[in-house]
Amino acid sequence: AWPIGLAYAVVWLGMLAATRISSLGGLC
């Protein structure tokens, strides 16, 4: 479902941008 994927992307990219830690973004 695209809304789930969008939420996933927002969290992943948001955490990646905030921390620059790939694993943390993926885990979140």
mmCIF file of all heavy atoms, coordinates in Angstrom:
data_MODEL
# 
_entry.id   MODEL 
# 
loop_
_atom_site.group_PDB 
_atom_site.id 
_atom_site.type_symbol 
_atom_site.label_atom_id 
_atom_site.label_alt_id 
_atom_site.label_comp_id 
_atom_site.label_asym_id 
_atom_site.label_entity_id 
_atom_site.label_seq_id 
_atom_site.pdbx_PDB_ins_code 
_atom_site.Cartn_x 
_atom_site.Cartn_y 
_atom_site.Cartn_z 
_atom_site.occupancy 
_atom_site.B_iso_or_equiv 
_atom_site.pdbx_formal_charge 
_atom_site.auth_seq_id 
_atom_site.auth_comp_id 
_atom_site.auth_asym_id 
_atom_site.auth_atom_id 
_atom_site.pdbx_PDB_model_num 
ATOM 1   N N   . ALA A 1 1  ? 0.869  -1.185 0.000  1.00 0.00 ? 1  ALA A N   1 
ATOM 2   C CA  . ALA A 1 1  ? 0.000  0.000  0.000  1.00 0.00 ? 1  ALA A CA  1 
ATOM 3   C C   . ALA A 1 1  ? 0.901  1.229  0.000  1.00 0.00 ? 1  ALA A C   1 
ATOM 4   O O   . ALA A 1 1  ? 1.708  1.402  0.924  1.00 0.00 ? 1  ALA A O   1 
ATOM 5   C CB  . ALA A 1 1  ? -0.906 0.004  1.223  1.00 0.00 ? 1  ALA A CB  1 
ATOM 6   N N   . TRP A 1 2  ? 0.775  2.077  -0.984 1.00 0.00 ? 2  TRP A N   1 
ATOM 7   C CA  . TRP A 1 2  ? 1.681  3.211  -1.116 1.00 0.00 ? 2  TRP A CA  1 
ATOM 8   C C   . TRP A 1 2  ? 1.733  4.094  0.125  1.00 0.00 ? 2  TRP A C   1 
ATOM 9   O O   . TRP A 1 2  ? 2.808  4.631  0.436  1.00 0.00 ? 2  TRP A O   1 
ATOM 10  C CB  . TRP A 1 2  ? 1.419  4.013  -2.390 1.00 0.00 ? 2  TRP A CB  1 
ATOM 11  C CG  . TRP A 1 2  ? 0.157  4.821  -2.379 1.00 0.00 ? 2  TRP A CG  1 
ATOM 12  C CD1 . TRP A 1 2  ? -1.043 4.474  -2.910 1.00 0.00 ? 2  TRP A CD1 1 
ATOM 13  C CD2 . TRP A 1 2  ? -0.016 6.121  -1.812 1.00 0.00 ? 2  TRP A CD2 1 
ATOM 14  N NE1 . TRP A 1 2  ? -1.957 5.465  -2.690 1.00 0.00 ? 2  TRP A NE1 1 
ATOM 15  C CE2 . TRP A 1 2  ? -1.352 6.490  -2.020 1.00 0.00 ? 2  TRP A CE2 1 
ATOM 16  C CE3 . TRP A 1 2  ? 0.818  7.009  -1.143 1.00 0.00 ? 2  TRP A CE3 1 
ATOM 17  C CZ2 . TRP A 1 2  ? -1.867 7.705  -1.576 1.00 0.00 ? 2  TRP A CZ2 1 
ATOM 18  C CZ3 . TRP A 1 2  ? 0.308  8.224  -0.696 1.00 0.00 ? 2  TRP A CZ3 1 
ATOM 19  C CH2 . TRP A 1 2  ? -1.019 8.564  -0.929 1.00 0.00 ? 2  TRP A CH2 1 
ATOM 20  N N   . PRO A 1 3  ? 0.617  4.296  0.884  1.00 0.00 ? 3  PRO A N   1 
ATOM 21  C CA  . PRO A 1 3  ? 0.761  5.120  2.088  1.00 0.00 ? 3  PRO A CA  1 
ATOM 22  C C   . PRO A 1 3  ? 1.722  4.501  3.128  1.00 0.00 ? 3  PRO A C   1 
ATOM 23  O O   . PRO A 1 3  ? 2.429  5.236  3.821  1.00 0.00 ? 3  PRO A O   1 
ATOM 24  C CB  . PRO A 1 3  ? -0.661 5.202  2.645  1.00 0.00 ? 3  PRO A CB  1 
ATOM 25  C CG  . PRO A 1 3  ? -1.547 4.988  1.456  1.00 0.00 ? 3  PRO A CG  1 
ATOM 26  C CD  . PRO A 1 3  ? -0.809 3.979  0.637  1.00 0.00 ? 3  PRO A CD  1 
ATOM 27  N N   . ILE A 1 4  ? 1.771  3.183  3.203  1.00 0.00 ? 4  ILE A N   1 
ATOM 28  C CA  . ILE A 1 4  ? 2.714  2.529  4.116  1.00 0.00 ? 4  ILE A CA  1 
ATOM 29  C C   . ILE A 1 4  ? 4.134  2.786  3.617  1.00 0.00 ? 4  ILE A C   1 
ATOM 30  O O   . ILE A 1 4  ? 5.030  3.137  4.395  1.00 0.00 ? 4  ILE A O   1 
ATOM 31  C CB  . ILE A 1 4  ? 2.449  1.009  4.216  1.00 0.00 ? 4  ILE A CB  1 
ATOM 32  C CG1 . ILE A 1 4  ? 1.044  0.720  4.720  1.00 0.00 ? 4  ILE A CG1 1 
ATOM 33  C CG2 . ILE A 1 4  ? 3.488  0.345  5.129  1.00 0.00 ? 4  ILE A CG2 1 
ATOM 34  C CD1 . ILE A 1 4  ? 0.645  -0.753 4.607  1.00 0.00 ? 4  ILE A CD1 1 
ATOM 35  N N   . GLY A 1 5  ? 4.335  2.624  2.330  1.00 0.00 ? 5  GLY A N   1 
ATOM 36  C CA  . GLY A 1 5  ? 5.646  2.885  1.747  1.00 0.00 ? 5  GLY A CA  1 
ATOM 37  C C   . GLY A 1 5  ? 6.081  4.322  1.914  1.00 0.00 ? 5  GLY A C   1 
ATOM 38  O O   . GLY A 1 5  ? 7.255  4.602  2.182  1.00 0.00 ? 5  GLY A O   1 
ATOM 39  N N   . LEU A 1 6  ? 5.132  5.251  1.795  1.00 0.00 ? 6  LEU A N   1 
ATOM 40  C CA  . LEU A 1 6  ? 5.452  6.666  1.990  1.00 0.00 ? 6  LEU A CA  1 
ATOM 41  C C   . LEU A 1 6  ? 5.865  6.924  3.441  1.00 0.00 ? 6  LEU A C   1 
ATOM 42  O O   . LEU A 1 6  ? 6.853  7.623  3.699  1.00 0.00 ? 6  LEU A O   1 
ATOM 43  C CB  . LEU A 1 6  ? 4.251  7.534  1.606  1.00 0.00 ? 6  LEU A CB  1 
ATOM 44  C CG  . LEU A 1 6  ? 4.446  9.042  1.757  1.00 0.00 ? 6  LEU A CG  1 
ATOM 45  C CD1 . LEU A 1 6  ? 5.590  9.538  0.878  1.00 0.00 ? 6  LEU A CD1 1 
ATOM 46  C CD2 . LEU A 1 6  ? 3.151  9.772  1.410  1.00 0.00 ? 6  LEU A CD2 1 
ATOM 47  N N   . ALA A 1 7  ? 5.127  6.359  4.392  1.00 0.00 ? 7  ALA A N   1 
ATOM 48  C CA  . ALA A 1 7  ? 5.491  6.509  5.802  1.00 0.00 ? 7  ALA A CA  1 
ATOM 49  C C   . ALA A 1 7  ? 6.878  5.926  6.052  1.00 0.00 ? 7  ALA A C   1 
ATOM 50  O O   . ALA A 1 7  ? 7.702  6.519  6.767  1.00 0.00 ? 7  ALA A O   1 
ATOM 51  C CB  . ALA A 1 7  ? 4.456  5.828  6.694  1.00 0.00 ? 7  ALA A CB  1 
ATOM 52  N N   . TYR A 1 8  ? 7.144  4.765  5.483  1.00 0.00 ? 8  TYR A N   1 
ATOM 53  C CA  . TYR A 1 8  ? 8.453  4.118  5.602  1.00 0.00 ? 8  TYR A CA  1 
ATOM 54  C C   . TYR A 1 8  ? 9.551  5.055  5.096  1.00 0.00 ? 8  TYR A C   1 
ATOM 55  O O   . TYR A 1 8  ? 10.561 5.271  5.761  1.00 0.00 ? 8  TYR A O   1 
ATOM 56  C CB  . TYR A 1 8  ? 8.435  2.818  4.794  1.00 0.00 ? 8  TYR A CB  1 
ATOM 57  C CG  . TYR A 1 8  ? 9.629  1.921  4.972  1.00 0.00 ? 8  TYR A CG  1 
ATOM 58  C CD1 . TYR A 1 8  ? 9.530  0.772  5.735  1.00 0.00 ? 8  TYR A CD1 1 
ATOM 59  C CD2 . TYR A 1 8  ? 10.849 2.192  4.365  1.00 0.00 ? 8  TYR A CD2 1 
ATOM 60  C CE1 . TYR A 1 8  ? 10.618 -0.091 5.889  1.00 0.00 ? 8  TYR A CE1 1 
ATOM 61  C CE2 . TYR A 1 8  ? 11.931 1.344  4.514  1.00 0.00 ? 8  TYR A CE2 1 
ATOM 62  C CZ  . TYR A 1 8  ? 11.813 0.209  5.284  1.00 0.00 ? 8  TYR A CZ  1 
ATOM 63  O OH  . TYR A 1 8  ? 12.875 -0.630 5.439  1.00 0.00 ? 8  TYR A OH  1 
ATOM 64  N N   . ALA A 1 9  ? 9.345  5.605  3.899  1.00 0.00 ? 9  ALA A N   1 
ATOM 65  C CA  . ALA A 1 9  ? 10.344 6.486  3.292  1.00 0.00 ? 9  ALA A CA  1 
ATOM 66  C C   . ALA A 1 9  ? 10.577 7.740  4.124  1.00 0.00 ? 9  ALA A C   1 
ATOM 67  O O   . ALA A 1 9  ? 11.722 8.163  4.315  1.00 0.00 ? 9  ALA A O   1 
ATOM 68  C CB  . ALA A 1 9  ? 9.916  6.860  1.873  1.00 0.00 ? 9  ALA A CB  1 
ATOM 69  N N   . VAL A 1 10 ? 9.509  8.322  4.636  1.00 0.00 ? 10 VAL A N   1 
ATOM 70  C CA  . VAL A 1 10 ? 9.634  9.541  5.445  1.00 0.00 ? 10 VAL A CA  1 
ATOM 71  C C   . VAL A 1 10 ? 10.448 9.269  6.709  1.00 0.00 ? 10 VAL A C   1 
ATOM 72  O O   . VAL A 1 10 ? 11.351 10.028 7.061  1.00 0.00 ? 10 VAL A O   1 
ATOM 73  C CB  . VAL A 1 10 ? 8.242  10.128 5.774  1.00 0.00 ? 10 VAL A CB  1 
ATOM 74  C CG1 . VAL A 1 10 ? 8.329  11.187 6.861  1.00 0.00 ? 10 VAL A CG1 1 
ATOM 75  C CG2 . VAL A 1 10 ? 7.600  10.693 4.517  1.00 0.00 ? 10 VAL A CG2 1 
ATOM 76  N N   . VAL A 1 11 ? 10.145 8.161  7.383  1.00 0.00 ? 11 VAL A N   1 
ATOM 77  C CA  . VAL A 1 11 ? 10.888 7.820  8.597  1.00 0.00 ? 11 VAL A CA  1 
ATOM 78  C C   . VAL A 1 11 ? 12.341 7.504  8.250  1.00 0.00 ? 11 VAL A C   1 
ATOM 79  O O   . VAL A 1 11 ? 13.273 8.003  8.901  1.00 0.00 ? 11 VAL A O   1 
ATOM 80  C CB  . VAL A 1 11 ? 10.213 6.648  9.347  1.00 0.00 ? 11 VAL A CB  1 
ATOM 81  C CG1 . VAL A 1 11 ? 11.095 6.146  10.487 1.00 0.00 ? 11 VAL A CG1 1 
ATOM 82  C CG2 . VAL A 1 11 ? 8.845  7.074  9.876  1.00 0.00 ? 11 VAL A CG2 1 
ATOM 83  N N   . TRP A 1 12 ? 12.561 6.680  7.241  1.00 0.00 ? 12 TRP A N   1 
ATOM 84  C CA  . TRP A 1 12 ? 13.914 6.278  6.855  1.00 0.00 ? 12 TRP A CA  1 
ATOM 85  C C   . TRP A 1 12 ? 14.760 7.495  6.482  1.00 0.00 ? 12 TRP A C   1 
ATOM 86  O O   . TRP A 1 12 ? 15.842 7.721  7.036  1.00 0.00 ? 12 TRP A O   1 
ATOM 87  C CB  . TRP A 1 12 ? 13.831 5.299  5.699  1.00 0.00 ? 12 TRP A CB  1 
ATOM 88  C CG  . TRP A 1 12 ? 15.118 4.644  5.295  1.00 0.00 ? 12 TRP A CG  1 
ATOM 89  C CD1 . TRP A 1 12 ? 16.316 4.633  5.963  1.00 0.00 ? 12 TRP A CD1 1 
ATOM 90  C CD2 . TRP A 1 12 ? 15.342 3.891  4.102  1.00 0.00 ? 12 TRP A CD2 1 
ATOM 91  N NE1 . TRP A 1 12 ? 17.238 3.903  5.262  1.00 0.00 ? 12 TRP A NE1 1 
ATOM 92  C CE2 . TRP A 1 12 ? 16.674 3.431  4.119  1.00 0.00 ? 12 TRP A CE2 1 
ATOM 93  C CE3 . TRP A 1 12 ? 14.525 3.529  3.037  1.00 0.00 ? 12 TRP A CE3 1 
ATOM 94  C CZ2 . TRP A 1 12 ? 17.217 2.655  3.101  1.00 0.00 ? 12 TRP A CZ2 1 
ATOM 95  C CZ3 . TRP A 1 12 ? 15.069 2.742  2.025  1.00 0.00 ? 12 TRP A CZ3 1 
ATOM 96  C CH2 . TRP A 1 12 ? 16.398 2.315  2.060  1.00 0.00 ? 12 TRP A CH2 1 
ATOM 97  N N   . LEU A 1 13 ? 14.257 8.290  5.556  1.00 0.00 ? 13 LEU A N   1 
ATOM 98  C CA  . LEU A 1 13 ? 15.013 9.445  5.088  1.00 0.00 ? 13 LEU A CA  1 
ATOM 99  C C   . LEU A 1 13 ? 15.138 10.518 6.169  1.00 0.00 ? 13 LEU A C   1 
ATOM 100 O O   . LEU A 1 13 ? 16.180 11.174 6.273  1.00 0.00 ? 13 LEU A O   1 
ATOM 101 C CB  . LEU A 1 13 ? 14.374 10.011 3.823  1.00 0.00 ? 13 LEU A CB  1 
ATOM 102 C CG  . LEU A 1 13 ? 14.411 9.066  2.618  1.00 0.00 ? 13 LEU A CG  1 
ATOM 103 C CD1 . LEU A 1 13 ? 13.631 9.653  1.450  1.00 0.00 ? 13 LEU A CD1 1 
ATOM 104 C CD2 . LEU A 1 13 ? 15.844 8.746  2.218  1.00 0.00 ? 13 LEU A CD2 1 
ATOM 105 N N   . GLY A 1 14 ? 14.095 10.673 6.966  1.00 0.00 ? 14 GLY A N   1 
ATOM 106 C CA  . GLY A 1 14 ? 14.153 11.649 8.060  1.00 0.00 ? 14 GLY A CA  1 
ATOM 107 C C   . GLY A 1 14 ? 15.219 11.306 9.080  1.00 0.00 ? 14 GLY A C   1 
ATOM 108 O O   . GLY A 1 14 ? 16.024 12.159 9.487  1.00 0.00 ? 14 GLY A O   1 
ATOM 109 N N   . MET A 1 15 ? 15.266 10.049 9.495  1.00 0.00 ? 15 MET A N   1 
ATOM 110 C CA  . MET A 1 15 ? 16.283 9.620  10.460 1.00 0.00 ? 15 MET A CA  1 
ATOM 111 C C   . MET A 1 15 ? 17.671 9.650  9.834  1.00 0.00 ? 15 MET A C   1 
ATOM 112 O O   . MET A 1 15 ? 18.650 10.008 10.505 1.00 0.00 ? 15 MET A O   1 
ATOM 113 C CB  . MET A 1 15 ? 15.974 8.221  10.993 1.00 0.00 ? 15 MET A CB  1 
ATOM 114 C CG  . MET A 1 15 ? 14.837 8.182  11.976 1.00 0.00 ? 15 MET A CG  1 
ATOM 115 S SD  . MET A 1 15 ? 15.072 9.260  13.414 1.00 0.00 ? 15 MET A SD  1 
ATOM 116 C CE  . MET A 1 15 ? 16.462 8.467  14.201 1.00 0.00 ? 15 MET A CE  1 
ATOM 117 N N   . LEU A 1 16 ? 17.765 9.292  8.577  1.00 0.00 ? 16 LEU A N   1 
ATOM 118 C CA  . LEU A 1 16 ? 19.047 9.332  7.892  1.00 0.00 ? 16 LEU A CA  1 
ATOM 119 C C   . LEU A 1 16 ? 19.566 10.769 7.797  1.00 0.00 ? 16 LEU A C   1 
ATOM 120 O O   . LEU A 1 16 ? 20.744 11.036 8.059  1.00 0.00 ? 16 LEU A O   1 
ATOM 121 C CB  . LEU A 1 16 ? 18.907 8.708  6.505  1.00 0.00 ? 16 LEU A CB  1 
ATOM 122 C CG  . LEU A 1 16 ? 20.181 8.413  5.736  1.00 0.00 ? 16 LEU A CG  1 
ATOM 123 C CD1 . LEU A 1 16 ? 21.114 7.508  6.530  1.00 0.00 ? 16 LEU A CD1 1 
ATOM 124 C CD2 . LEU A 1 16 ? 19.837 7.755  4.413  1.00 0.00 ? 16 LEU A CD2 1 
ATOM 125 N N   . ALA A 1 17 ? 18.686 11.696 7.461  1.00 0.00 ? 17 ALA A N   1 
ATOM 126 C CA  . ALA A 1 17 ? 19.080 13.103 7.372  1.00 0.00 ? 17 ALA A CA  1 
ATOM 127 C C   . ALA A 1 17 ? 19.467 13.660 8.747  1.00 0.00 ? 17 ALA A C   1 
ATOM 128 O O   . ALA A 1 17 ? 20.419 14.429 8.864  1.00 0.00 ? 17 ALA A O   1 
ATOM 129 C CB  . ALA A 1 17 ? 17.943 13.930 6.770  1.00 0.00 ? 17 ALA A CB  1 
ATOM 130 N N   . ALA A 1 18 ? 18.737 13.257 9.772  1.00 0.00 ? 18 ALA A N   1 
ATOM 131 C CA  . ALA A 1 18 ? 18.999 13.787 11.118 1.00 0.00 ? 18 ALA A CA  1 
ATOM 132 C C   . ALA A 1 18 ? 20.266 13.219 11.744 1.00 0.00 ? 18 ALA A C   1 
ATOM 133 O O   . ALA A 1 18 ? 20.967 13.921 12.473 1.00 0.00 ? 18 ALA A O   1 
ATOM 134 C CB  . ALA A 1 18 ? 17.804 13.505 12.028 1.00 0.00 ? 18 ALA A CB  1 
ATOM 135 N N   . THR A 1 19 ? 20.571 11.940 11.462 1.00 0.00 ? 19 THR A N   1 
ATOM 136 C CA  . THR A 1 19 ? 21.682 11.290 12.162 1.00 0.00 ? 19 THR A CA  1 
ATOM 137 C C   . THR A 1 19 ? 22.846 10.884 11.262 1.00 0.00 ? 19 THR A C   1 
ATOM 138 O O   . THR A 1 19 ? 23.927 10.653 11.777 1.00 0.00 ? 19 THR A O   1 
ATOM 139 C CB  . THR A 1 19 ? 21.197 10.013 12.874 1.00 0.00 ? 19 THR A CB  1 
ATOM 140 O OG1 . THR A 1 19 ? 20.794 9.042  11.901 1.00 0.00 ? 19 THR A OG1 1 
ATOM 141 C CG2 . THR A 1 19 ? 20.056 10.316 13.835 1.00 0.00 ? 19 THR A CG2 1 
ATOM 142 N N   . ARG A 1 20 ? 22.599 10.730 9.953  1.00 0.00 ? 20 ARG A N   1 
ATOM 143 C CA  . ARG A 1 20 ? 23.572 10.198 8.996  1.00 0.00 ? 20 ARG A CA  1 
ATOM 144 C C   . ARG A 1 20 ? 24.008 8.785  9.361  1.00 0.00 ? 20 ARG A C   1 
ATOM 145 O O   . ARG A 1 20 ? 25.088 8.348  8.990  1.00 0.00 ? 20 ARG A O   1 
ATOM 146 C CB  . ARG A 1 20 ? 24.773 11.135 8.855  1.00 0.00 ? 20 ARG A CB  1 
ATOM 147 C CG  . ARG A 1 20 ? 24.435 12.445 8.159  1.00 0.00 ? 20 ARG A CG  1 
ATOM 148 C CD  . ARG A 1 20 ? 25.621 13.345 7.851  1.00 0.00 ? 20 ARG A CD  1 
ATOM 149 N NE  . ARG A 1 20 ? 26.930 12.733 7.892  1.00 0.00 ? 20 ARG A NE  1 
ATOM 150 C CZ  . ARG A 1 20 ? 27.882 13.017 8.809  1.00 0.00 ? 20 ARG A CZ  1 
ATOM 151 N NH1 . ARG A 1 20 ? 27.643 13.894 9.760  1.00 0.00 ? 20 ARG A NH1 1 
ATOM 152 N NH2 . ARG A 1 20 ? 29.063 12.425 8.759  1.00 0.00 ? 20 ARG A NH2 1 
ATOM 153 N N   . ILE A 1 21 ? 23.163 8.066  10.090 1.00 0.00 ? 21 ILE A N   1 
ATOM 154 C CA  . ILE A 1 21 ? 23.463 6.684  10.445 1.00 0.00 ? 21 ILE A CA  1 
ATOM 155 C C   . ILE A 1 21 ? 22.474 5.793  9.705  1.00 0.00 ? 21 ILE A C   1 
ATOM 156 O O   . ILE A 1 21 ? 21.291 5.743  10.026 1.00 0.00 ? 21 ILE A O   1 
ATOM 157 C CB  . ILE A 1 21 ? 23.376 6.453  11.972 1.00 0.00 ? 21 ILE A CB  1 
ATOM 158 C CG1 . ILE A 1 21 ? 24.347 7.381  12.708 1.00 0.00 ? 21 ILE A CG1 1 
ATOM 159 C CG2 . ILE A 1 21 ? 23.653 4.994  12.306 1.00 0.00 ? 21 ILE A CG2 1 
ATOM 160 C CD1 . ILE A 1 21 ? 24.251 7.310  14.220 1.00 0.00 ? 21 ILE A CD1 1 
ATOM 161 N N   . SER A 1 22 ? 22.992 5.077  8.712  1.00 0.00 ? 22 SER A N   1 
ATOM 162 C CA  . SER A 1 22 ? 22.153 4.262  7.843  1.00 0.00 ? 22 SER A CA  1 
ATOM 163 C C   . SER A 1 22 ? 21.346 3.224  8.615  1.00 0.00 ? 22 SER A C   1 
ATOM 164 O O   . SER A 1 22 ? 20.142 3.075  8.394  1.00 0.00 ? 22 SER A O   1 
ATOM 165 C CB  . SER A 1 22 ? 23.016 3.573  6.783  1.00 0.00 ? 22 SER A CB  1 
ATOM 166 O OG  . SER A 1 22 ? 22.225 2.764  5.953  1.00 0.00 ? 22 SER A OG  1 
ATOM 167 N N   . SER A 1 23 ? 21.994 2.504  9.500  1.00 0.00 ? 23 SER A N   1 
ATOM 168 C CA  . SER A 1 23 ? 21.298 1.440  10.228 1.00 0.00 ? 23 SER A CA  1 
ATOM 169 C C   . SER A 1 23 ? 20.168 1.991  11.093 1.00 0.00 ? 23 SER A C   1 
ATOM 170 O O   . SER A 1 23 ? 19.105 1.384  11.176 1.00 0.00 ? 23 SER A O   1 
ATOM 171 C CB  . SER A 1 23 ? 22.277 0.635  11.093 1.00 0.00 ? 23 SER A CB  1 
ATOM 172 O OG  . SER A 1 23 ? 22.878 1.471  12.071 1.00 0.00 ? 23 SER A OG  1 
ATOM 173 N N   . LEU A 1 24 ? 20.385 3.127  11.715 1.00 0.00 ? 24 LEU A N   1 
ATOM 174 C CA  . LEU A 1 24 ? 19.347 3.713  12.570 1.00 0.00 ? 24 LEU A CA  1 
ATOM 175 C C   . LEU A 1 24 ? 18.131 4.131  11.747 1.00 0.00 ? 24 LEU A C   1 
ATOM 176 O O   . LEU A 1 24 ? 16.988 3.874  12.133 1.00 0.00 ? 24 LEU A O   1 
ATOM 177 C CB  . LEU A 1 24 ? 19.902 4.903  13.355 1.00 0.00 ? 24 LEU A CB  1 
ATOM 178 C CG  . LEU A 1 24 ? 18.960 5.543  14.359 1.00 0.00 ? 24 LEU A CG  1 
ATOM 179 C CD1 . LEU A 1 24 ? 18.496 4.529  15.409 1.00 0.00 ? 24 LEU A CD1 1 
ATOM 180 C CD2 . LEU A 1 24 ? 19.638 6.730  15.037 1.00 0.00 ? 24 LEU A CD2 1 
ATOM 181 N N   . GLY A 1 25 ? 18.380 4.727  10.587 1.00 0.00 ? 25 GLY A N   1 
ATOM 182 C CA  . GLY A 1 25 ? 17.269 5.094  9.707  1.00 0.00 ? 25 GLY A CA  1 
ATOM 183 C C   . GLY A 1 25 ? 16.486 3.876  9.261  1.00 0.00 ? 25 GLY A C   1 
ATOM 184 O O   . GLY A 1 25 ? 15.252 3.866  9.296  1.00 0.00 ? 25 GLY A O   1 
ATOM 185 N N   . GLY A 1 26 ? 17.187 2.828  8.867  1.00 0.00 ? 26 GLY A N   1 
ATOM 186 C CA  . GLY A 1 26 ? 16.520 1.596  8.431  1.00 0.00 ? 26 GLY A CA  1 
ATOM 187 C C   . GLY A 1 26 ? 15.751 0.928  9.557  1.00 0.00 ? 26 GLY A C   1 
ATOM 188 O O   . GLY A 1 26 ? 14.621 0.463  9.355  1.00 0.00 ? 26 GLY A O   1 
ATOM 189 N N   . LEU A 1 27 ? 16.346 0.859  10.734 1.00 0.00 ? 27 LEU A N   1 
ATOM 190 C CA  . LEU A 1 27 ? 15.667 0.235  11.873 1.00 0.00 ? 27 LEU A CA  1 
ATOM 191 C C   . LEU A 1 27 ? 14.396 0.990  12.244 1.00 0.00 ? 27 LEU A C   1 
ATOM 192 O O   . LEU A 1 27 ? 13.346 0.375  12.489 1.00 0.00 ? 27 LEU A O   1 
ATOM 193 C CB  . LEU A 1 27 ? 16.610 0.145  13.075 1.00 0.00 ? 27 LEU A CB  1 
ATOM 194 C CG  . LEU A 1 27 ? 17.710 -0.905 12.961 1.00 0.00 ? 27 LEU A CG  1 
ATOM 195 C CD1 . LEU A 1 27 ? 18.791 -0.680 14.016 1.00 0.00 ? 27 LEU A CD1 1 
ATOM 196 C CD2 . LEU A 1 27 ? 17.122 -2.305 13.080 1.00 0.00 ? 27 LEU A CD2 1 
ATOM 197 N N   . CYS A 1 28 ? 14.482 2.307  12.284 1.00 0.00 ? 28 CYS A N   1 
ATOM 198 C CA  . CYS A 1 28 ? 13.291 3.101  12.608 1.00 0.00 ? 28 CYS A CA  1 
ATOM 199 C C   . CYS A 1 28 ? 12.203 2.915  11.556 1.00 0.00 ? 28 CYS A C   1 
ATOM 200 O O   . CYS A 1 28 ? 11.012 2.824  11.895 1.00 0.00 ? 28 CYS A O   1 
ATOM 201 C CB  . CYS A 1 28 ? 13.661 4.573  12.751 1.00 0.00 ? 28 CYS A CB  1 
ATOM 202 S SG  . CYS A 1 28 ? 14.640 4.935  14.220 1.00 0.00 ? 28 CYS A SG  1 
# 
